[in-house]
Amino acid sequence: MADISYDGYLTEQKLVVLCEEIFGEKVLTQYPLKYAKGRTAKVDIFVKSLNMAVEFDGDGHYRSAATIERDRAVDSYCEEIGIKIVHIPYWLQLDERVFFWAFGEEITKKYLEDQNRTVKTTFPNGFVSDKCLLPADFSISGWNRFAEEYQSFVELDTWSVMKEVWESLEIKIAKHGHARVMGDNPTNFTPGLFMEHYPT
């Protein structure tokens, strides 16, 4: 099996390189989309042959309510005109499990499984880096986004990716305290409760 791999923390630049290797074409970067009258957003990556936009969602996509509102408007526009849009959160790494969650079964089969390839990284999923924005600093919209992504992954997660994310938060909590890591959670979402989904 051929490995497509990268070292260290996933960045937008690394994601560009990975997409070009996986999809076998030069991708367009900072691709402009006119998603509303007088409004244009630049998506990080556009894969022309698949009519697909790929966004690396850095911490600003969890901190800024305005950014999140724009993201939702762009997502709605893409859905309306038939562009597939994929989001990779900064607290996840692009391994084969996250690839399946983000890109879906059909693309995973065509570009990885059918070609006997897999995506690997040396960096773990979760809030691992000391520079990583923690949930305590999310906006309310950011918390809602995190909750939606976390729960959507748990629903199909046979590989325990969200368990890795929660364990990374537990390590931070042990080091810095619950208030500094999780803060005043403005939602009813409690990540730890979802760990009942996983075998001990």
C-alpha atoms as a PDB file:
ATOM      1  CA  MET A   1       0.000   0.000   0.000  1.00  0.00           C
ATOM      2  CA  ALA A   2       1.364   3.420  -0.994  1.00  0.00           C
ATOM      3  CA  ASP A   3       1.384   6.046   1.740  1.00  0.00           C
ATOM      4  CA  ILE A   4       0.712   9.737   1.206  1.00  0.00           C
ATOM      5  CA  SER A   5       2.214  11.321   4.282  1.00  0.00           C
ATOM      6  CA  TYR A   6       3.267  14.572   5.889  1.00  0.00           C
ATOM      7  CA  ASP A   7       5.134  15.459   9.059  1.00  0.00           C
ATOM      8  CA  GLY A   8       4.039  17.750  11.841  1.00  0.00           C
ATOM      9  CA  TYR A   9       0.929  19.823  12.306  1.00  0.00           C
ATOM     10  CA  LEU A  10      -1.404  20.213   9.317  1.00  0.00           C
ATOM     11  CA  THR A  11      -1.376  23.675   7.750  1.00  0.00           C
ATOM     12  CA  GLU A  12      -3.122  25.203   4.761  1.00  0.00           C
ATOM     13  CA  GLN A  13       0.121  24.964   2.762  1.00  0.00           C
ATOM     14  CA  LYS A  14       0.518  21.270   3.584  1.00  0.00           C
ATOM     15  CA  LEU A  15      -3.110  20.667   2.679  1.00  0.00           C
ATOM     16  CA  VAL A  16      -2.514  22.183  -0.773  1.00  0.00           C
ATOM     17  CA  VAL A  17       0.373  19.774  -1.387  1.00  0.00           C
ATOM     18  CA  LEU A  18      -1.649  16.804  -0.121  1.00  0.00           C
ATOM     19  CA  CYS A  19      -4.637  17.642  -2.320  1.00  0.00           C
ATOM     20  CA  GLU A  20      -2.438  17.905  -5.398  1.00  0.00           C
ATOM     21  CA  GLU A  21      -0.850  14.552  -4.645  1.00  0.00           C
ATOM     22  CA  ILE A  22      -4.119  12.813  -3.831  1.00  0.00           C
ATOM     23  CA  PHE A  23      -6.208  14.222  -6.689  1.00  0.00           C
ATOM     24  CA  GLY A  24      -3.408  14.274  -9.254  1.00  0.00           C
ATOM     25  CA  GLU A  25      -3.820  17.826 -10.459  1.00  0.00           C
ATOM     26  CA  LYS A  26      -2.697  21.373  -9.805  1.00  0.00           C
ATOM     27  CA  VAL A  27      -5.276  22.913  -7.508  1.00  0.00           C
ATOM     28  CA  LEU A  28      -6.343  26.542  -7.471  1.00  0.00           C
ATOM     29  CA  THR A  29      -5.620  28.432  -4.252  1.00  0.00           C
ATOM     30  CA  GLN A  30      -7.488  31.397  -2.773  1.00  0.00           C
ATOM     31  CA  TYR A  31     -10.187  30.760  -5.361  1.00  0.00           C
ATOM     32  CA  PRO A  32     -12.813  33.557  -5.427  1.00  0.00           C
ATOM     33  CA  LEU A  33     -16.494  32.670  -5.064  1.00  0.00           C
ATOM     34  CA  LYS A  34     -19.166  35.351  -5.441  1.00  0.00           C
ATOM     35  CA  TYR A  35     -21.535  33.870  -2.888  1.00  0.00           C
ATOM     36  CA  ALA A  36     -23.860  36.860  -2.528  1.00  0.00           C
ATOM     37  CA  LYS A  37     -24.555  40.156  -4.255  1.00  0.00           C
ATOM     38  CA  GLY A  38     -21.438  42.267  -3.832  1.00  0.00           C
ATOM     39  CA  ARG A  39     -19.742  39.645  -1.678  1.00  0.00           C
ATOM     40  CA  THR A  40     -16.814  37.446  -2.626  1.00  0.00           C
ATOM     41  CA  ALA A  41     -15.080  34.847  -0.472  1.00  0.00           C
ATOM     42  CA  LYS A  42     -11.795  33.154  -1.280  1.00  0.00           C
ATOM     43  CA  VAL A  43     -11.778  29.432  -0.609  1.00  0.00           C
ATOM     44  CA  ASP A  44      -8.400  27.975   0.300  1.00  0.00           C
ATOM     45  CA  ILE A  45      -8.351  25.232  -2.346  1.00  0.00           C
ATOM     46  CA  PHE A  46     -10.429  24.477  -5.420  1.00  0.00           C
ATOM     47  CA  VAL A  47     -10.142  21.111  -7.193  1.00  0.00           C
ATOM     48  CA  LYS A  48     -11.456  21.884 -10.661  1.00  0.00           C
ATOM     49  CA  SER A  49     -11.994  18.334 -11.928  1.00  0.00           C
ATOM     50  CA  LEU A  50     -14.200  17.547  -8.923  1.00  0.00           C
ATOM     51  CA  ASN A  51     -15.879  20.965  -8.674  1.00  0.00           C
ATOM     52  CA  MET A  52     -14.833  20.868  -5.033  1.00  0.00           C
ATOM     53  CA  ALA A  53     -13.688  23.512  -2.577  1.00  0.00           C
ATOM     54  CA  VAL A  54     -11.520  22.560   0.394  1.00  0.00           C
ATOM     55  CA  GLU A  55     -11.192  24.845   3.397  1.00  0.00           C
ATOM     56  CA  PHE A  56      -8.614  24.594   6.165  1.00  0.00           C
ATOM     57  CA  ASP A  57     -10.497  26.044   9.110  1.00  0.00           C
ATOM     58  CA  GLY A  58      -7.939  27.688  11.373  1.00  0.00           C
ATOM     59  CA  ASP A  59      -8.802  29.016  14.817  1.00  0.00           C
ATOM     60  CA  GLY A  60     -10.379  32.178  13.371  1.00  0.00           C
ATOM     61  CA  HIS A  61     -13.209  29.962  12.147  1.00  0.00           C
ATOM     62  CA  TYR A  62     -14.033  29.211  15.805  1.00  0.00           C
ATOM     63  CA  ARG A  63     -13.188  32.563  17.350  1.00  0.00           C
ATOM     64  CA  SER A  64     -14.998  34.982  14.999  1.00  0.00           C
ATOM     65  CA  ALA A  65     -18.786  34.939  14.704  1.00  0.00           C
ATOM     66  CA  ALA A  66     -18.533  36.995  11.493  1.00  0.00           C
ATOM     67  CA  THR A  67     -16.201  34.422   9.909  1.00  0.00           C
ATOM     68  CA  ILE A  68     -18.518  31.577  10.886  1.00  0.00           C
ATOM     69  CA  GLU A  69     -21.539  33.420   9.468  1.00  0.00           C
ATOM     70  CA  ARG A  70     -19.666  33.965   6.202  1.00  0.00           C
ATOM     71  CA  ASP A  71     -18.650  30.281   6.108  1.00  0.00           C
ATOM     72  CA  ARG A  72     -22.272  29.224   6.439  1.00  0.00           C
ATOM     73  CA  ALA A  73     -23.332  31.577   3.653  1.00  0.00           C
ATOM     74  CA  VAL A  74     -20.584  30.211   1.383  1.00  0.00           C
ATOM     75  CA  ASP A  75     -21.563  26.628   2.253  1.00  0.00           C
ATOM     76  CA  SER A  76     -25.194  27.356   1.349  1.00  0.00           C
ATOM     77  CA  TYR A  77     -24.170  28.975  -1.916  1.00  0.00           C
ATOM     78  CA  CYS A  78     -21.938  26.022  -2.851  1.00  0.00           C
ATOM     79  CA  GLU A  79     -24.741  23.588  -2.119  1.00  0.00           C
ATOM     80  CA  GLU A  80     -27.142  25.600  -4.289  1.00  0.00           C
ATOM     81  CA  ILE A  81     -24.843  25.613  -7.340  1.00  0.00           C
ATOM     82  CA  GLY A  82     -23.476  22.081  -6.945  1.00  0.00           C
ATOM     83  CA  ILE A  83     -19.996  22.738  -5.553  1.00  0.00           C
ATOM     84  CA  LYS A  84     -18.893  20.213  -2.973  1.00  0.00           C
ATOM     85  CA  ILE A  85     -17.271  22.015  -0.039  1.00  0.00           C
ATOM     86  CA  VAL A  86     -15.054  20.264   2.487  1.00  0.00           C
ATOM     87  CA  HIS A  87     -13.901  21.667   5.832  1.00  0.00           C
ATOM     88  CA  ILE A  88     -10.836  20.438   7.731  1.00  0.00           C
ATOM     89  CA  PRO A  89     -10.808  21.820  11.313  1.00  0.00           C
ATOM     90  CA  TYR A  90      -7.440  22.906  12.712  1.00  0.00           C
ATOM     91  CA  TRP A  91      -7.812  20.465  15.629  1.00  0.00           C
ATOM     92  CA  LEU A  92      -7.818  17.461  13.257  1.00  0.00           C
ATOM     93  CA  GLN A  93      -5.054  15.987  11.128  1.00  0.00           C
ATOM     94  CA  LEU A  94      -5.596  14.600   7.646  1.00  0.00           C
ATOM     95  CA  ASP A  95      -5.145  10.878   8.150  1.00  0.00           C
ATOM     96  CA  GLU A  96      -7.249   8.256   6.361  1.00  0.00           C
ATOM     97  CA  ARG A  97      -9.965   8.400   9.042  1.00  0.00           C
ATOM     98  CA  VAL A  98     -10.395  12.176   8.861  1.00  0.00           C
ATOM     99  CA  PHE A  99     -10.211  12.016   5.050  1.00  0.00           C
ATOM    100  CA  PHE A 100     -13.204   9.656   4.982  1.00  0.00           C
ATOM    101  CA  TRP A 101     -15.170  11.910   7.370  1.00  0.00           C
ATOM    102  CA  ALA A 102     -14.386  15.075   5.411  1.00  0.00           C
ATOM    103  CA  PHE A 103     -14.437  13.934   1.772  1.00  0.00           C
ATOM    104  CA  GLY A 104     -16.922  11.084   1.980  1.00  0.00           C
ATOM    105  CA  GLU A 105     -17.077   7.458   0.901  1.00  0.00           C
ATOM    106  CA  GLU A 106     -17.126   7.969  -2.885  1.00  0.00           C
ATOM    107  CA  ILE A 107     -13.993  10.151  -3.058  1.00  0.00           C
ATOM    108  CA  THR A 108     -12.188   7.988  -0.497  1.00  0.00           C
ATOM    109  CA  LYS A 109     -12.879   4.896  -2.578  1.00  0.00           C
ATOM    110  CA  LYS A 110     -11.840   6.469  -5.896  1.00  0.00           C
ATOM    111  CA  TYR A 111      -8.665   8.260  -4.807  1.00  0.00           C
ATOM    112  CA  LEU A 112      -7.432   6.094  -1.947  1.00  0.00           C
ATOM    113  CA  GLU A 113      -8.948   2.620  -1.708  1.00  0.00           C
ATOM    114  CA  ASP A 114      -9.117   1.837  -5.455  1.00  0.00           C
ATOM    115  CA  GLN A 115      -5.511   2.991  -5.840  1.00  0.00           C
ATOM    116  CA  ASN A 116      -4.374   1.088  -2.758  1.00  0.00           C
ATOM    117  CA  ARG A 117      -3.255   4.309  -1.064  1.00  0.00           C
ATOM    118  CA  THR A 118      -3.661   5.750   2.402  1.00  0.00           C
ATOM    119  CA  VAL A 119      -3.001   9.102   4.102  1.00  0.00           C
ATOM    120  CA  LYS A 120      -0.763   9.133   7.161  1.00  0.00           C
ATOM    121  CA  THR A 121       0.701  11.698   9.520  1.00  0.00           C
ATOM    122  CA  THR A 122       2.992  11.660  12.525  1.00  0.00           C
ATOM    123  CA  PHE A 123       0.982  14.309  14.400  1.00  0.00           C
ATOM    124  CA  PRO A 124      -1.972  13.246  16.596  1.00  0.00           C
ATOM    125  CA  ASN A 125      -5.528  14.557  16.407  1.00  0.00           C
ATOM    126  CA  GLY A 126      -6.752  16.974  19.023  1.00  0.00           C
ATOM    127  CA  PHE A 127      -5.707  20.107  20.867  1.00  0.00           C
ATOM    128  CA  VAL A 128      -2.088  19.013  21.148  1.00  0.00           C
ATOM    129  CA  SER A 129       0.081  22.008  20.294  1.00  0.00           C
ATOM    130  CA  ASP A 130       0.730  24.572  23.041  1.00  0.00           C
ATOM    131  CA  LYS A 131      -0.185  27.240  20.473  1.00  0.00           C
ATOM    132  CA  CYS A 132      -3.570  25.655  19.780  1.00  0.00           C
ATOM    133  CA  LEU A 133      -6.670  27.760  20.484  1.00  0.00           C
ATOM    134  CA  LEU A 134      -8.667  25.987  23.197  1.00  0.00           C
ATOM    135  CA  PRO A 135     -12.476  25.762  23.416  1.00  0.00           C
ATOM    136  CA  ALA A 136     -12.467  28.264  26.299  1.00  0.00           C
ATOM    137  CA  ASP A 137     -11.614  30.927  23.713  1.00  0.00           C
ATOM    138  CA  PHE A 138     -14.271  29.933  21.171  1.00  0.00           C
ATOM    139  CA  SER A 139     -17.132  32.319  20.440  1.00  0.00           C
ATOM    140  CA  ILE A 140     -20.659  31.007  20.978  1.00  0.00           C
ATOM    141  CA  SER A 141     -20.862  30.335  17.232  1.00  0.00           C
ATOM    142  CA  GLY A 142     -17.503  28.584  17.454  1.00  0.00           C
ATOM    143  CA  TRP A 143     -18.755  26.341  20.238  1.00  0.00           C
ATOM    144  CA  ASN A 144     -21.802  25.442  18.150  1.00  0.00           C
ATOM    145  CA  ARG A 145     -19.584  24.637  15.175  1.00  0.00           C
ATOM    146  CA  PHE A 146     -17.269  22.495  17.324  1.00  0.00           C
ATOM    147  CA  ALA A 147     -20.260  20.648  18.798  1.00  0.00           C
ATOM    148  CA  GLU A 148     -21.732  19.927  15.355  1.00  0.00           C
ATOM    149  CA  GLU A 149     -18.428  18.626  13.972  1.00  0.00           C
ATOM    150  CA  TYR A 150     -17.628  16.593  17.080  1.00  0.00           C
ATOM    151  CA  GLN A 151     -21.032  14.926  17.141  1.00  0.00           C
ATOM    152  CA  SER A 152     -21.078  14.246  13.390  1.00  0.00           C
ATOM    153  CA  PHE A 153     -17.774  12.434  13.733  1.00  0.00           C
ATOM    154  CA  VAL A 154     -18.925  10.382  16.739  1.00  0.00           C
ATOM    155  CA  GLU A 155     -21.927   9.167  14.718  1.00  0.00           C
ATOM    156  CA  LEU A 156     -19.682   7.301  12.258  1.00  0.00           C
ATOM    157  CA  ASP A 157     -16.425   7.153  14.183  1.00  0.00           C
ATOM    158  CA  THR A 158     -15.364   3.531  14.367  1.00  0.00           C
ATOM    159  CA  TRP A 159     -11.718   4.628  14.606  1.00  0.00           C
ATOM    160  CA  SER A 160     -11.923   6.674  17.821  1.00  0.00           C
ATOM    161  CA  VAL A 161     -10.725   9.991  16.388  1.00  0.00           C
ATOM    162  CA  MET A 162     -12.950  11.969  18.761  1.00  0.00           C
ATOM    163  CA  LYS A 163     -11.663   9.873  21.635  1.00  0.00           C
ATOM    164  CA  GLU A 164      -8.197  11.157  20.732  1.00  0.00           C
ATOM    165  CA  VAL A 165      -9.540  14.728  20.653  1.00  0.00           C
ATOM    166  CA  TRP A 166     -11.191  14.353  24.068  1.00  0.00           C
ATOM    167  CA  GLU A 167      -8.071  12.783  25.556  1.00  0.00           C
ATOM    168  CA  SER A 168      -6.040  15.762  24.314  1.00  0.00           C
ATOM    169  CA  LEU A 169      -8.465  18.058  26.144  1.00  0.00           C
ATOM    170  CA  GLU A 170      -8.205  15.962  29.305  1.00  0.00           C
ATOM    171  CA  ILE A 171      -4.421  16.374  29.228  1.00  0.00           C
ATOM    172  CA  LYS A 172      -4.838  20.153  28.885  1.00  0.00           C
ATOM    173  CA  ILE A 173      -7.402  20.206  31.715  1.00  0.00           C
ATOM    174  CA  ALA A 174      -5.033  18.309  34.015  1.00  0.00           C
ATOM    175  CA  LYS A 175      -2.304  20.836  33.224  1.00  0.00           C
ATOM    176  CA  HIS A 176      -4.212  24.130  33.124  1.00  0.00           C
ATOM    177  CA  GLY A 177      -7.559  23.489  34.814  1.00  0.00           C
ATOM    178  CA  HIS A 178     -11.056  23.081  33.397  1.00  0.00           C
ATOM    179  CA  ALA A 179     -11.857  26.802  33.258  1.00  0.00           C
ATOM    180  CA  ARG A 180      -8.803  27.631  31.148  1.00  0.00           C
ATOM    181  CA  VAL A 181      -9.411  24.783  28.694  1.00  0.00           C
ATOM    182  CA  MET A 182     -13.200  24.483  28.394  1.00  0.00           C
ATOM    183  CA  GLY A 183     -14.303  27.827  29.808  1.00  0.00           C
ATOM    184  CA  ASP A 184     -17.958  28.745  30.172  1.00  0.00           C
ATOM    185  CA  ASN A 185     -19.444  26.372  27.635  1.00  0.00           C
ATOM    186  CA  PRO A 186     -22.467  28.293  26.231  1.00  0.00           C
ATOM    187  CA  THR A 187     -24.046  25.153  24.749  1.00  0.00           C
ATOM    188  CA  ASN A 188     -25.525  21.952  26.136  1.00  0.00           C
ATOM    189  CA  PHE A 189     -22.730  20.025  24.462  1.00  0.00           C
ATOM    190  CA  THR A 190     -20.356  18.149  26.786  1.00  0.00           C
ATOM    191  CA  PRO A 191     -17.622  16.329  24.836  1.00  0.00           C
ATOM    192  CA  GLY A 192     -16.782  13.909  27.637  1.00  0.00           C
ATOM    193  CA  LEU A 193     -20.294  12.454  27.671  1.00  0.00           C
ATOM    194  CA  PHE A 194     -19.796  11.154  24.164  1.00  0.00           C
ATOM    195  CA  MET A 195     -16.979   8.908  25.317  1.00  0.00           C
ATOM    196  CA  GLU A 196     -19.604   6.322  26.292  1.00  0.00           C
ATOM    197  CA  HIS A 197     -19.680   5.652  22.537  1.00  0.00           C
ATOM    198  CA  TYR A 198     -16.238   4.088  22.732  1.00  0.00           C
ATOM    199  CA  PRO A 199     -15.111   0.843  24.381  1.00  0.00           C
ATOM    200  CA  THR A 200     -12.760   1.328  27.305  1.00  0.00           C
END
